[in-house]
N, C-alpha and C. Protein backbone atom coordinates (compact mmCIF):
# COMPACT_ATOMS: atom_id res chain seq x y z
N UNK A 1 29.15 14.55 -3.42
CA UNK A 1 29.76 13.49 -4.14
C UNK A 1 31.18 13.90 -4.31
N UNK A 2 32.10 12.87 -3.96
CA UNK A 2 33.41 13.14 -4.13
C UNK A 2 33.78 13.21 -5.53
N UNK A 3 33.43 12.46 -6.48
CA UNK A 3 33.64 12.59 -7.88
C UNK A 3 32.37 12.79 -8.56
N UNK A 4 32.43 13.46 -9.79
CA UNK A 4 31.17 13.86 -10.42
C UNK A 4 30.93 12.97 -11.70
N UNK A 5 31.58 11.72 -11.76
CA UNK A 5 31.58 10.86 -12.86
C UNK A 5 30.09 10.45 -12.95
N UNK A 6 29.46 10.10 -11.88
CA UNK A 6 28.15 9.59 -11.90
C UNK A 6 27.03 10.53 -11.41
N UNK A 7 27.02 11.71 -12.04
CA UNK A 7 26.18 12.69 -11.75
C UNK A 7 25.31 12.89 -13.01
N UNK A 8 23.92 12.80 -12.74
CA UNK A 8 23.02 13.13 -13.83
C UNK A 8 22.19 14.39 -13.70
N UNK A 9 22.29 15.40 -14.45
CA UNK A 9 21.68 16.70 -14.45
C UNK A 9 20.43 16.71 -15.19
N UNK A 10 19.30 16.72 -14.59
CA UNK A 10 17.91 16.67 -15.16
C UNK A 10 17.23 17.87 -14.82
N UNK A 11 17.88 18.82 -14.37
CA UNK A 11 17.18 20.04 -13.93
C UNK A 11 16.43 20.62 -15.15
N UNK A 12 15.29 21.26 -14.99
CA UNK A 12 14.51 21.81 -15.97
C UNK A 12 13.61 20.88 -16.65
N UNK A 13 13.81 19.64 -16.30
CA UNK A 13 12.87 18.57 -17.00
C UNK A 13 11.85 18.27 -16.08
N UNK A 14 10.52 17.86 -16.77
CA UNK A 14 9.37 17.56 -16.04
C UNK A 14 9.05 16.03 -16.11
N UNK A 15 8.27 15.51 -15.27
CA UNK A 15 7.93 14.10 -15.50
C UNK A 15 7.41 13.87 -16.79
N UNK A 16 7.75 12.69 -17.28
CA UNK A 16 8.50 11.65 -16.77
C UNK A 16 10.01 11.61 -17.13
N UNK A 17 10.50 12.67 -17.63
CA UNK A 17 11.89 12.71 -18.19
C UNK A 17 12.98 12.52 -17.11
N UNK A 18 12.94 12.90 -15.90
CA UNK A 18 13.96 12.60 -15.13
C UNK A 18 14.01 11.02 -14.67
N UNK A 19 12.78 10.40 -14.70
CA UNK A 19 12.96 8.97 -14.57
C UNK A 19 13.51 8.27 -15.70
N UNK A 20 13.02 8.71 -16.88
CA UNK A 20 13.45 8.08 -18.13
C UNK A 20 14.92 8.27 -18.24
N UNK A 21 15.65 9.34 -18.06
CA UNK A 21 16.98 9.62 -18.16
C UNK A 21 17.72 8.95 -17.15
N UNK A 22 17.22 8.81 -15.97
CA UNK A 22 17.77 8.04 -14.83
C UNK A 22 17.98 6.57 -15.10
N UNK A 23 16.88 5.88 -15.59
CA UNK A 23 16.86 4.55 -16.12
C UNK A 23 17.98 4.29 -17.03
N UNK A 24 18.07 5.26 -18.07
CA UNK A 24 19.05 5.14 -19.16
C UNK A 24 20.50 5.15 -18.66
N UNK A 25 20.60 6.07 -17.60
CA UNK A 25 21.99 6.20 -17.11
C UNK A 25 22.36 5.04 -16.29
N UNK A 26 21.34 4.43 -15.46
CA UNK A 26 21.64 3.26 -14.62
C UNK A 26 21.92 2.04 -15.44
N UNK A 27 21.28 1.96 -16.62
CA UNK A 27 21.53 0.78 -17.41
C UNK A 27 22.85 0.73 -17.90
N UNK A 28 23.52 1.84 -17.92
CA UNK A 28 25.01 1.81 -18.34
C UNK A 28 26.07 1.48 -17.12
N UNK A 29 25.50 1.46 -15.96
CA UNK A 29 26.39 1.32 -14.81
C UNK A 29 26.42 -0.11 -14.29
N UNK A 30 27.41 -0.58 -13.64
CA UNK A 30 27.49 -1.90 -13.09
C UNK A 30 26.60 -1.91 -11.77
N UNK A 31 26.13 -3.20 -11.37
CA UNK A 31 25.33 -3.35 -10.26
C UNK A 31 26.26 -2.79 -9.07
N UNK A 32 25.32 -2.14 -8.15
CA UNK A 32 25.94 -1.46 -6.92
C UNK A 32 26.49 -0.05 -7.17
N UNK A 33 26.80 0.33 -8.47
CA UNK A 33 27.22 1.60 -8.57
C UNK A 33 26.11 2.56 -8.18
N UNK A 34 26.54 3.85 -7.95
CA UNK A 34 25.68 4.82 -7.44
C UNK A 34 25.66 5.97 -8.47
N UNK A 35 24.48 6.54 -8.56
CA UNK A 35 24.23 7.81 -9.37
C UNK A 35 23.53 8.79 -8.74
N UNK A 36 24.04 10.00 -8.81
CA UNK A 36 23.52 11.20 -8.13
C UNK A 36 22.75 11.93 -9.24
N UNK A 37 21.55 12.19 -8.84
CA UNK A 37 20.57 12.93 -9.85
C UNK A 37 20.21 14.20 -9.27
N UNK A 38 20.32 15.33 -10.17
CA UNK A 38 19.92 16.76 -9.77
C UNK A 38 18.74 17.19 -10.56
N UNK A 39 17.55 17.44 -9.84
CA UNK A 39 16.37 17.65 -10.55
C UNK A 39 15.71 19.04 -9.98
N UNK A 40 14.81 19.65 -10.63
CA UNK A 40 14.23 20.79 -10.13
C UNK A 40 12.65 20.62 -10.08
N UNK A 41 12.21 19.52 -10.62
CA UNK A 41 10.67 19.16 -10.69
C UNK A 41 10.26 18.74 -9.32
N UNK A 42 9.48 19.50 -8.48
CA UNK A 42 9.00 19.05 -7.12
C UNK A 42 8.39 17.71 -7.14
N UNK A 43 7.88 17.29 -8.29
CA UNK A 43 7.24 15.97 -8.16
C UNK A 43 8.19 14.81 -8.34
N UNK A 44 9.37 15.16 -8.57
CA UNK A 44 10.48 14.06 -8.65
C UNK A 44 10.71 13.45 -7.26
N UNK A 45 10.32 14.13 -6.28
CA UNK A 45 10.55 13.40 -4.93
C UNK A 45 9.81 12.16 -4.82
N UNK A 46 8.49 12.31 -5.03
CA UNK A 46 7.60 11.17 -4.98
C UNK A 46 7.90 10.17 -6.18
N UNK A 47 8.19 10.81 -7.26
CA UNK A 47 8.55 9.92 -8.38
C UNK A 47 9.65 9.00 -8.28
N UNK A 48 10.67 9.49 -7.61
CA UNK A 48 11.97 8.57 -7.42
C UNK A 48 11.68 7.61 -6.27
N UNK A 49 10.99 8.02 -5.27
CA UNK A 49 10.65 7.20 -4.13
C UNK A 49 9.78 5.87 -4.67
N UNK A 50 8.86 6.21 -5.46
CA UNK A 50 7.95 5.12 -5.98
C UNK A 50 8.78 4.41 -6.98
N UNK A 51 9.55 4.96 -7.89
CA UNK A 51 10.11 4.27 -8.88
C UNK A 51 11.29 3.23 -8.38
N UNK A 52 12.10 3.74 -7.32
CA UNK A 52 13.03 2.91 -6.71
C UNK A 52 12.31 1.70 -5.95
N UNK A 53 11.35 1.99 -5.27
CA UNK A 53 10.59 0.86 -4.70
C UNK A 53 10.13 -0.16 -5.75
N UNK A 54 9.65 0.24 -6.79
CA UNK A 54 9.09 -0.56 -7.93
C UNK A 54 10.07 -1.33 -8.57
N UNK A 55 11.27 -0.66 -8.76
CA UNK A 55 12.42 -1.41 -9.59
C UNK A 55 13.36 -2.11 -8.84
N UNK A 56 13.35 -1.88 -7.43
CA UNK A 56 14.37 -2.58 -6.61
C UNK A 56 15.69 -1.81 -6.46
N UNK A 57 15.83 -0.61 -7.17
CA UNK A 57 17.11 0.18 -7.00
C UNK A 57 16.91 0.71 -5.68
N UNK A 58 18.06 1.13 -4.96
CA UNK A 58 17.99 1.71 -3.58
C UNK A 58 18.15 3.23 -3.64
N UNK A 59 17.18 3.86 -3.12
CA UNK A 59 17.31 5.41 -2.84
C UNK A 59 18.07 5.47 -1.58
N UNK A 60 19.33 5.83 -1.78
CA UNK A 60 20.28 5.98 -0.75
C UNK A 60 19.90 7.21 0.01
N UNK A 61 19.69 8.31 -0.53
CA UNK A 61 19.27 9.50 0.11
C UNK A 61 18.59 10.43 -0.88
N UNK A 62 17.72 11.36 -0.34
CA UNK A 62 17.14 12.56 -1.01
C UNK A 62 17.23 13.70 -0.29
N UNK A 63 17.52 14.83 -0.86
CA UNK A 63 17.56 16.12 -0.14
C UNK A 63 17.13 17.20 -1.10
N UNK A 64 16.74 18.26 -0.38
CA UNK A 64 16.42 19.58 -1.15
C UNK A 64 17.60 20.48 -0.89
N UNK A 65 18.07 21.13 -2.03
CA UNK A 65 19.23 22.00 -1.90
C UNK A 65 18.73 23.32 -2.58
N UNK A 66 18.16 24.38 -1.85
CA UNK A 66 17.73 25.47 -2.52
C UNK A 66 16.41 25.08 -3.13
N UNK A 67 16.34 25.49 -4.52
CA UNK A 67 15.23 25.05 -5.44
C UNK A 67 15.46 23.74 -6.17
N UNK A 68 16.49 22.96 -5.82
CA UNK A 68 16.66 21.81 -6.51
C UNK A 68 16.52 20.64 -5.55
N UNK A 69 16.39 19.41 -6.05
CA UNK A 69 16.23 18.20 -5.37
C UNK A 69 17.41 17.24 -5.87
N UNK A 70 18.00 16.61 -4.91
CA UNK A 70 19.19 15.77 -5.27
C UNK A 70 18.78 14.41 -4.59
N UNK A 71 19.24 13.36 -5.37
CA UNK A 71 18.94 11.87 -5.05
C UNK A 71 20.27 11.05 -5.31
N UNK A 72 20.46 10.25 -4.48
CA UNK A 72 21.58 9.15 -4.65
C UNK A 72 20.85 7.84 -4.79
N UNK A 73 21.09 7.22 -5.95
CA UNK A 73 20.40 5.87 -6.29
C UNK A 73 21.50 4.86 -6.51
N UNK A 74 21.33 3.61 -5.82
CA UNK A 74 22.24 2.69 -6.06
C UNK A 74 21.59 1.55 -6.91
N UNK A 75 22.42 1.24 -8.00
CA UNK A 75 21.76 0.31 -9.07
C UNK A 75 21.78 -1.17 -8.25
N UNK A 76 20.57 -1.88 -8.43
CA UNK A 76 20.37 -3.16 -7.91
C UNK A 76 21.16 -4.11 -8.71
N UNK A 77 21.32 -5.32 -8.06
CA UNK A 77 21.95 -6.39 -8.66
C UNK A 77 21.09 -6.88 -9.87
N UNK A 78 21.93 -7.11 -10.98
CA UNK A 78 21.29 -7.54 -12.13
C UNK A 78 20.37 -8.74 -12.05
N UNK A 79 19.13 -8.86 -12.63
CA UNK A 79 18.29 -9.94 -12.50
C UNK A 79 18.39 -10.90 -13.63
N UNK A 80 19.41 -10.58 -14.61
CA UNK A 80 19.58 -11.44 -15.79
C UNK A 80 18.71 -11.00 -16.85
N UNK A 81 17.97 -9.98 -16.84
CA UNK A 81 17.06 -9.62 -17.87
C UNK A 81 17.23 -8.14 -18.28
């Protein structure tokens, strides 16, 4: 990521905390903003895939870097609620 202003570090946290903290971080961002999430929980891969499908946010990419998992999530357009 070119700038680190939208990076959320949830390394060391287990389900459901990476999702909970990601939701809170996305709530503070404008629509179409992107957030990069760094996690260590192997279950976070399936969790983020399912959560983005369910919420309408876009999982731009996910990758494993050593023992870490990284995700780029784009906030969906606000639905007015």
